[in-house]
Amino acid sequence: MRLSRRAIWTGLISLAPTLCWADWTEFRGNGGGSTAPADLPEAWSDGNNIAWTADLPGRGLSGPIVVGEKVILTASSGPRGERLHVLAIDAKTGKEIWHRQFWATGNVSCHPKMCNATPTPATDGKHVVAFYSSNDMACLDLDGNLVWYRGLTHDYPLASNTLGMSSSPVVVGGVAVASVENEGESFLCGIDILTGKNLWKVERPRAVQWASPVAIRGSKPEEDFVLTQGNDGAVVRKPKTGDVVWKYDKGAGVVASATVVGDTVYIPSDGLVAAKLDYSTPAATVLWQSKRVRAGTPSPIIDQERIYTINSAILQCSDAKSGEPIWKLRLKGSFSSTPVLAGNRLYAFSEEGIGFVVDVSEKEGKILSENKTGTNADSADSGETILGSPAIANNALYVRSDGHLWKIAKSP
């Protein structure tokens, strides 16, 4: 009997006290899937299912990552966001373990909605790569010691975007891959995680692009790849050389990022495209395309059988094999952060700071709870502004605003 992934996850959730995902290594989690089996609470409030709250400096749209017992995230402060922060918080207590600060060397101009600390950091389990809108990149070890620092605008002076850069790096195969696509000197690069030196650099069209690379990790080093996207499509490359092994050339979205599940990649492209990843055939084979499935700013989530997208305030569930819509559910507010999926529950956070817990197990989605996260003096109905994507690790949900980081977990 062949079990669906939904059934497998249900089994994993039942084992959650002894089996859980330990790390969340990059934007949208390990492999960019935004999913993890975890036993998370259905609702929370002050004093209920909130393990701790940590104060953060400055502003930050970047999501947290989790390595062992450390929750790591970035922030920026100062009149222009020129001071850059990397912090490690103890996952058990919420206390600060270490805090490093740097000065930005590149352009710190951003749209008021964004800030310098918009890209989410990434880790390979030994190093942390923190990237900023100013095109500054810092590599630290897990104790906060600086390994190397690169001011990419110093190396490539025309690389900047006055609206702000938000593409998050990934670390795959010992290489930090960064997308620096903008109206100026636009490029992709692969940087050696140990030395900070370029292993390769590829010129890109001069066009604004905010989507993030996706790490594709195999069972062997030679099976590691990285997918990037832009106005001219999506490309899979070898992380150590930048060589292209697969390409979809019909154009791709520049905000929501692609999602890879097994040998299928789901690309925001005039709706959503599902294409087969076959490295023996470099040209993409399109499985289906649907204009009825559209990702807004949040990236799509796929659980093998279903696709979840948020466009404006509409959460849509679609069939992953055909792209046919299954159901729609109206949420409240505006959404920038990509939600996360734990078993049959989807956790989505609005910009207004409301956390929605949605049961996606039935024929129709059902809102289980609406949770105010933090306080907002301007509105009695909203929480603190949340634009960064949350993380799941060790049966806990980590959510950040500009001012705070919360650990949401079932109370003992």
Protein backbone atom coordinates (compact mmCIF):
# COMPACT_ATOMS: atom_id res chain seq x y z
CA MET A 1 0.00 0.00 0.00
CA ARG A 2 1.36 3.39 -1.00
CA LEU A 3 0.87 6.10 1.61
CA SER A 4 0.39 9.74 0.66
CA ARG A 5 2.72 12.31 2.09
CA ARG A 6 -0.25 13.69 4.03
CA ALA A 7 -0.70 10.29 5.72
CA ILE A 8 3.02 10.01 6.40
CA TRP A 9 3.05 13.45 8.01
CA THR A 10 0.07 12.49 10.17
CA GLY A 11 2.13 9.57 11.43
CA LEU A 12 5.13 11.79 12.03
CA ILE A 13 3.04 14.24 14.02
CA SER A 14 1.97 11.40 16.31
CA LEU A 15 5.66 10.79 17.01
CA ALA A 16 6.40 14.48 17.50
CA PRO A 17 7.53 14.26 21.15
CA THR A 18 10.45 12.05 20.08
CA LEU A 19 10.85 12.91 16.39
CA CYS A 20 10.97 16.49 15.10
CA TRP A 21 12.84 18.70 12.69
CA ALA A 22 15.86 20.08 14.55
CA ASP A 23 17.07 22.82 12.19
CA TRP A 24 15.64 25.44 9.84
CA THR A 25 18.62 26.37 7.73
CA GLU A 26 17.49 29.08 5.28
CA PHE A 27 14.63 31.13 3.90
CA ARG A 28 11.54 28.86 3.84
CA GLY A 29 13.40 26.09 5.67
CA ASN A 30 15.52 23.20 4.50
CA GLY A 31 15.28 23.14 0.71
CA GLY A 32 12.86 26.07 0.57
CA GLY A 33 9.75 23.98 1.15
CA SER A 34 8.25 25.92 4.10
CA THR A 35 7.17 22.60 5.65
CA ALA A 36 8.13 20.52 8.67
CA PRO A 37 6.39 17.87 10.77
CA ALA A 38 5.81 19.45 14.16
CA ASP A 39 3.32 19.44 17.00
CA LEU A 40 2.42 23.14 17.16
CA PRO A 41 -0.38 24.84 19.12
CA GLU A 42 -3.70 25.67 17.52
CA ALA A 43 -3.79 29.08 19.21
CA TRP A 44 -1.71 31.30 21.48
CA SER A 45 -1.92 34.46 23.57
CA ASP A 46 -0.02 36.21 26.35
CA GLY A 47 0.76 33.55 28.93
CA ASN A 48 -0.55 30.73 26.77
CA ASN A 49 1.63 28.75 24.34
CA ILE A 50 4.23 31.54 24.10
CA ALA A 51 7.44 30.13 25.55
CA TRP A 52 9.31 33.42 25.50
CA THR A 53 9.68 36.80 23.81
CA ALA A 54 13.07 38.37 22.98
CA ASP A 55 13.72 42.04 22.27
CA LEU A 56 15.45 42.85 18.97
CA PRO A 57 17.43 45.91 17.87
CA GLY A 58 16.43 48.16 14.98
CA ARG A 59 14.35 46.70 12.17
CA GLY A 60 14.29 43.36 10.38
CA LEU A 61 12.21 41.69 7.71
CA SER A 62 14.48 38.66 7.57
CA GLY A 63 13.17 35.38 8.90
CA PRO A 64 14.91 33.47 11.70
CA ILE A 65 16.93 30.31 11.11
CA VAL A 66 17.56 27.62 13.70
CA VAL A 67 20.77 25.61 14.22
CA GLY A 68 20.74 23.27 17.19
CA GLU A 69 19.80 25.38 20.21
CA LYS A 70 20.54 28.70 18.48
CA VAL A 71 17.98 30.90 16.74
CA ILE A 72 19.88 33.25 14.43
CA LEU A 73 18.54 36.34 12.71
CA THR A 74 19.61 39.73 11.40
CA ALA A 75 18.56 43.34 11.99
CA SER A 76 19.60 46.83 10.92
CA SER A 77 19.57 50.04 12.92
CA GLY A 78 20.74 53.64 12.77
CA PRO A 79 19.18 56.65 11.02
CA ARG A 80 19.62 55.05 7.61
CA GLY A 81 19.86 51.39 8.58
CA GLU A 82 23.62 51.51 8.20
CA ARG A 83 24.41 49.44 11.31
CA LEU A 84 24.10 45.71 10.62
CA HIS A 85 23.34 43.14 13.31
CA VAL A 86 23.59 39.35 13.55
CA LEU A 87 22.16 37.81 16.72
CA ALA A 88 22.03 34.33 18.22
CA ILE A 89 19.24 33.64 20.70
CA ASP A 90 19.07 30.61 22.99
CA ALA A 91 16.15 28.50 21.73
CA LYS A 92 15.35 27.23 25.23
CA THR A 93 15.44 30.48 27.19
CA GLY A 94 15.16 33.35 24.69
CA LYS A 95 18.35 34.88 26.09
CA GLU A 96 20.94 36.46 23.80
CA ILE A 97 23.98 34.22 23.27
CA TRP A 98 26.02 36.54 21.06
CA HIS A 99 25.49 39.71 19.05
CA ARG A 100 27.77 41.00 16.27
CA GLN A 101 27.58 44.36 14.53
CA PHE A 102 29.04 45.76 11.29
CA TRP A 103 28.88 48.92 9.23
CA ALA A 104 27.23 48.78 5.84
CA THR A 105 29.56 49.55 2.93
CA GLY A 106 26.94 49.75 0.15
CA ASN A 107 23.75 51.62 -0.67
CA VAL A 108 21.35 51.57 2.30
CA SER A 109 18.43 53.23 0.48
CA CYS A 110 15.23 51.20 0.72
CA HIS A 111 11.52 51.56 0.21
CA PRO A 112 9.98 52.59 3.58
CA LYS A 113 8.30 49.19 3.84
CA MET A 114 11.67 47.42 3.60
CA CYS A 115 14.92 47.73 5.53
CA ASN A 116 18.55 46.75 5.16
CA ALA A 117 17.99 43.49 7.05
CA THR A 118 15.48 41.99 4.62
CA PRO A 119 17.29 38.86 3.31
CA THR A 120 17.10 35.82 5.58
CA PRO A 121 20.49 34.35 6.65
CA ALA A 122 21.54 30.79 5.75
CA THR A 123 23.69 28.11 7.35
CA ASP A 124 25.45 24.86 6.49
CA GLY A 125 25.49 23.80 10.14
CA LYS A 126 28.98 25.22 10.73
CA HIS A 127 28.78 28.73 9.28
CA VAL A 128 26.18 31.47 9.11
CA VAL A 129 25.98 33.72 6.05
CA ALA A 130 24.19 37.00 6.69
CA PHE A 131 23.30 39.12 3.66
CA TYR A 132 21.86 42.63 3.57
CA SER A 133 20.15 44.95 1.12
CA SER A 134 23.35 47.02 1.02
CA ASN A 135 25.01 43.96 -0.60
CA ASP A 136 27.16 43.38 2.45
CA MET A 137 27.77 39.73 3.31
CA ALA A 138 29.20 38.43 6.58
CA CYS A 139 30.20 34.84 7.29
CA LEU A 140 30.48 33.81 10.94
CA ASP A 141 30.91 30.54 12.76
CA LEU A 142 28.22 29.34 15.17
CA ASP A 143 29.99 31.05 18.07
CA GLY A 144 29.73 34.41 16.33
CA ASN A 145 33.38 34.63 15.27
CA LEU A 146 33.89 36.42 11.95
CA VAL A 147 35.20 34.15 9.19
CA TRP A 148 35.10 36.73 6.38
CA TYR A 149 33.26 39.85 5.24
CA ARG A 150 32.46 41.01 1.71
CA GLY A 151 31.16 44.40 0.60
CA LEU A 152 29.87 43.37 -2.82
CA THR A 153 29.11 46.97 -3.75
CA HIS A 154 32.77 47.75 -3.10
CA ASP A 155 33.70 45.01 -5.59
CA TYR A 156 30.89 45.89 -8.03
CA PRO A 157 30.06 49.59 -7.48
CA LEU A 158 27.03 49.74 -9.78
CA ALA A 159 25.19 46.91 -8.05
CA SER A 160 22.33 48.58 -6.18
CA ASN A 161 18.59 48.99 -6.11
CA THR A 162 17.04 52.05 -4.51
CA LEU A 163 13.91 50.09 -3.56
CA GLY A 164 16.00 47.60 -1.60
CA MET A 165 17.34 44.08 -2.14
CA SER A 166 15.56 41.15 -0.52
CA SER A 167 16.86 37.96 -2.17
CA SER A 168 18.11 35.55 0.51
CA PRO A 169 21.28 33.49 0.01
CA VAL A 170 21.61 29.72 0.31
CA VAL A 171 24.61 27.60 1.27
CA VAL A 172 24.86 24.39 -0.74
CA GLY A 173 27.87 22.20 -1.51
CA GLY A 174 30.19 24.48 0.48
CA VAL A 175 29.16 27.50 -1.61
CA ALA A 176 27.16 30.58 -0.64
CA VAL A 177 25.02 31.50 -3.63
CA ALA A 178 23.68 35.05 -3.80
CA SER A 179 21.39 36.69 -6.34
CA VAL A 180 22.28 40.36 -6.82
CA GLU A 181 19.89 41.21 -9.64
CA ASN A 182 19.09 44.90 -9.95
CA GLU A 183 18.90 47.84 -12.32
CA GLY A 184 22.65 48.37 -12.11
CA GLU A 185 25.43 45.79 -12.21
CA SER A 186 23.32 42.63 -12.03
CA PHE A 187 24.83 39.21 -11.31
CA LEU A 188 24.69 35.82 -9.62
CA CYS A 189 27.70 34.59 -7.71
CA GLY A 190 28.96 31.52 -5.89
CA ILE A 191 31.28 32.30 -2.96
CA ASP A 192 33.50 29.77 -1.21
CA ILE A 193 32.15 29.41 2.32
CA LEU A 194 35.66 29.00 3.79
CA THR A 195 37.53 31.82 2.06
CA GLY A 196 34.91 34.34 0.94
CA LYS A 197 36.32 34.32 -2.60
CA ASN A 198 34.27 34.04 -5.76
CA LEU A 199 34.17 30.58 -7.29
CA TRP A 200 32.10 31.94 -10.16
CA LYS A 201 30.13 35.01 -11.19
CA VAL A 202 27.49 35.23 -13.94
CA GLU A 203 26.22 38.48 -15.40
CA ARG A 204 22.45 38.87 -15.33
CA PRO A 205 20.00 41.20 -17.12
CA ARG A 206 19.73 44.64 -15.56
CA ALA A 207 16.30 44.20 -14.00
CA VAL A 208 14.91 44.25 -10.48
CA GLN A 209 14.47 40.79 -8.96
CA TRP A 210 13.62 39.85 -5.39
CA ALA A 211 13.10 36.07 -5.54
CA SER A 212 15.57 33.86 -3.67
CA PRO A 213 17.73 30.93 -4.82
CA VAL A 214 16.58 27.42 -3.89
CA ALA A 215 19.05 24.78 -2.68
CA ILE A 216 18.55 21.30 -4.18
CA ARG A 217 20.50 18.87 -2.01
CA GLY A 218 21.18 15.31 -3.12
CA SER A 219 22.51 12.25 -1.35
CA LYS A 220 25.97 12.87 -2.85
CA PRO A 221 27.96 16.11 -3.29
CA GLU A 222 27.73 15.82 -7.07
CA GLU A 223 23.94 15.80 -6.71
CA ASP A 224 23.82 19.25 -5.08
CA PHE A 225 22.35 22.00 -7.25
CA VAL A 226 20.91 25.49 -6.90
CA LEU A 227 17.92 26.97 -8.71
CA THR A 228 17.62 30.67 -9.46
CA GLN A 229 14.96 32.66 -11.29
CA GLY A 230 14.44 35.99 -13.02
CA ASN A 231 12.64 37.74 -15.85
CA ASP A 232 14.21 35.35 -18.36
CA GLY A 233 13.15 32.16 -16.58
CA ALA A 234 14.54 29.68 -14.08
CA VAL A 235 17.93 27.94 -14.17
CA VAL A 236 19.52 25.09 -12.21
CA ARG A 237 23.30 25.32 -11.77
CA LYS A 238 26.11 23.37 -10.18
CA PRO A 239 26.98 25.31 -7.02
CA LYS A 240 30.76 24.98 -7.32
CA THR A 241 31.06 26.04 -10.97
CA GLY A 242 27.86 27.85 -11.90
CA ASP A 243 27.44 25.52 -14.90
CA VAL A 244 23.85 25.29 -16.15
CA VAL A 245 22.26 21.80 -16.08
CA TRP A 246 18.59 22.69 -16.58
CA LYS A 247 16.60 25.69 -17.79
CA TYR A 248 13.05 26.97 -18.06
CA ASP A 249 13.19 29.94 -20.44
CA LYS A 250 9.60 31.23 -20.56
CA GLY A 251 10.11 33.90 -17.92
CA ALA A 252 9.52 33.73 -14.18
CA GLY A 253 8.17 35.94 -11.44
CA VAL A 254 10.52 38.26 -9.60
CA VAL A 255 8.91 38.32 -6.13
CA ALA A 256 7.62 34.89 -5.04
CA SER A 257 10.28 32.16 -5.19
CA ALA A 258 10.02 28.78 -6.90
CA THR A 259 9.46 25.62 -4.87
CA VAL A 260 11.12 22.27 -5.59
CA VAL A 261 9.53 18.97 -4.52
CA GLY A 262 11.31 15.82 -5.68
CA ASP A 263 11.78 16.00 -9.44
CA THR A 264 9.21 18.76 -9.95
CA VAL A 265 9.71 22.51 -9.70
CA TYR A 266 6.80 24.91 -9.29
CA ILE A 267 7.65 28.28 -10.82
CA PRO A 268 5.65 31.52 -10.52
CA SER A 269 5.28 32.30 -14.24
CA ASP A 270 2.12 33.92 -15.60
CA GLY A 271 0.32 32.04 -12.86
CA LEU A 272 2.12 28.89 -11.81
CA VAL A 273 4.06 26.36 -13.89
CA ALA A 274 4.95 22.80 -12.88
CA ALA A 275 8.01 21.52 -14.74
CA LYS A 276 9.94 18.27 -14.53
CA LEU A 277 13.53 18.43 -13.31
CA ASP A 278 15.48 16.10 -15.56
CA TYR A 279 19.18 16.94 -15.74
CA SER A 280 19.70 14.58 -18.66
CA THR A 281 17.37 16.85 -20.67
CA PRO A 282 18.46 20.45 -20.01
CA ALA A 283 15.34 21.98 -21.58
CA ALA A 284 12.42 22.00 -19.15
CA THR A 285 9.45 19.72 -19.72
CA VAL A 286 6.31 21.58 -18.64
CA LEU A 287 3.82 19.33 -16.87
CA TRP A 288 1.10 21.97 -16.60
CA GLN A 289 0.56 25.73 -16.39
CA SER A 290 -2.36 27.47 -14.74
CA LYS A 291 -3.23 31.15 -14.64
CA ARG A 292 -5.74 30.32 -11.93
CA VAL A 293 -2.96 29.61 -9.41
CA ARG A 294 -1.15 32.82 -8.52
CA ALA A 295 1.31 33.52 -5.75
CA GLY A 296 1.46 37.10 -4.55
CA THR A 297 4.43 38.11 -2.42
CA PRO A 298 4.40 34.84 -0.39
CA SER A 299 5.95 31.87 -2.18
CA PRO A 300 3.92 28.73 -2.94
CA ILE A 301 3.91 25.73 -0.59
CA ILE A 302 3.56 22.19 -1.93
CA ASP A 303 2.88 19.06 0.13
CA GLN A 304 3.03 16.62 -2.81
CA GLU A 305 -0.73 16.49 -3.24
CA ARG A 306 -1.71 20.13 -2.82
CA ILE A 307 -0.43 23.63 -3.49
CA TYR A 308 -1.08 26.53 -1.14
CA THR A 309 -0.77 30.12 -2.37
CA ILE A 310 -1.70 33.49 -0.93
CA ASN A 311 -2.59 36.32 -3.30
CA SER A 312 -3.81 39.48 -1.57
CA ALA A 313 -5.79 37.98 1.35
CA ILE A 314 -7.00 34.87 -0.50
CA LEU A 315 -5.54 31.53 0.55
CA GLN A 316 -6.02 29.05 -2.29
CA CYS A 317 -5.55 25.30 -2.28
CA SER A 318 -4.92 23.67 -5.67
CA ASP A 319 -4.14 20.21 -6.97
CA ALA A 320 -0.38 19.70 -7.32
CA LYS A 321 -0.74 17.28 -10.23
CA SER A 322 -3.00 19.45 -12.39
CA GLY A 323 -3.07 22.97 -11.00
CA GLU A 324 -6.85 22.83 -10.65
CA PRO A 325 -8.18 24.94 -7.74
CA ILE A 326 -9.75 22.92 -4.89
CA TRP A 327 -10.86 25.61 -2.44
CA LYS A 328 -10.35 29.26 -1.48
CA LEU A 329 -10.43 30.94 1.90
CA ARG A 330 -10.44 34.65 2.63
CA LEU A 331 -8.08 35.78 5.37
CA LYS A 332 -7.74 39.33 6.71
CA GLY A 333 -5.07 41.93 6.02
CA SER A 334 -2.03 42.06 3.73
CA PHE A 335 0.54 39.28 3.44
CA SER A 336 4.26 39.49 2.64
CA SER A 337 5.69 36.55 4.60
CA THR A 338 5.50 33.04 3.25
CA PRO A 339 3.40 30.83 5.55
CA VAL A 340 4.59 27.50 6.92
CA LEU A 341 2.90 24.10 6.95
CA ALA A 342 3.11 21.65 9.86
CA GLY A 343 1.12 18.53 9.14
CA ASN A 344 -2.44 19.59 8.37
CA ARG A 345 -2.10 23.09 9.78
CA LEU A 346 -0.95 26.13 7.87
CA TYR A 347 0.40 29.13 9.80
CA ALA A 348 0.13 32.47 7.99
CA PHE A 349 1.08 35.87 9.42
CA SER A 350 -0.35 39.10 8.08
CA GLU A 351 1.60 42.33 7.89
CA GLU A 352 -0.70 43.60 10.63
CA GLY A 353 0.67 40.97 13.01
CA ILE A 354 -2.22 38.51 13.06
CA GLY A 355 -1.28 34.83 12.97
CA PHE A 356 -3.88 32.65 11.23
CA VAL A 357 -3.97 28.92 11.91
CA VAL A 358 -5.80 27.11 9.10
CA ASP A 359 -6.83 23.46 9.04
CA VAL A 360 -6.15 22.25 5.49
CA SER A 361 -7.02 18.58 5.99
CA GLU A 362 -10.62 18.65 4.78
CA LYS A 363 -12.35 19.49 1.50
CA GLU A 364 -12.52 23.14 2.56
CA GLY A 365 -9.98 25.16 4.53
CA LYS A 366 -11.04 26.18 8.02
CA ILE A 367 -9.63 28.98 10.15
CA LEU A 368 -8.96 27.51 13.59
CA SER A 369 -7.75 30.70 15.24
CA GLU A 370 -6.63 34.29 14.74
CA ASN A 371 -3.81 35.27 17.08
CA LYS A 372 -2.54 38.73 17.85
CA THR A 373 1.25 38.69 18.07
CA GLY A 374 2.70 41.47 20.22
CA THR A 375 1.16 44.90 20.65
CA ASN A 376 0.65 47.82 18.33
CA ALA A 377 -0.10 51.18 19.88
CA ASP A 378 -1.78 52.43 16.69
CA SER A 379 -4.44 49.73 16.62
CA ALA A 380 -6.24 47.75 19.25
CA ASP A 381 -6.99 45.02 16.73
CA SER A 382 -3.53 44.38 15.30
CA GLY A 383 -0.22 43.07 16.51
CA GLU A 384 3.28 44.16 15.61
CA THR A 385 4.15 44.42 11.92
CA ILE A 386 5.34 41.07 10.56
CA LEU A 387 6.85 40.75 7.09
CA GLY A 388 9.46 38.04 7.67
CA SER A 389 8.70 34.35 7.20
CA PRO A 390 8.58 32.19 10.35
CA ALA A 391 10.66 29.10 11.14
CA ILE A 392 9.77 25.69 12.57
CA ALA A 393 12.18 23.64 14.69
CA ASN A 394 11.90 21.27 17.64
CA ASN A 395 8.10 21.53 17.86
CA ALA A 396 8.22 25.31 18.04
CA LEU A 397 7.30 28.17 15.75
CA TYR A 398 9.66 31.18 15.68
CA VAL A 399 8.16 34.47 14.50
CA ARG A 400 9.80 37.90 14.32
CA SER A 401 8.63 41.48 13.98
CA ASP A 402 10.82 44.56 13.82
CA GLY A 403 10.99 44.64 17.59
CA HIS A 404 10.59 41.08 18.88
CA LEU A 405 11.18 37.39 18.35
CA TRP A 406 8.58 34.95 19.70
CA LYS A 407 8.84 31.25 20.40
CA ILE A 408 5.39 29.75 20.05
CA ALA A 409 5.08 26.22 21.42
CA LYS A 410 2.62 24.15 23.41
CA SER A 411 2.81 25.02 27.09
CA PRO A 412 3.88 22.14 29.36
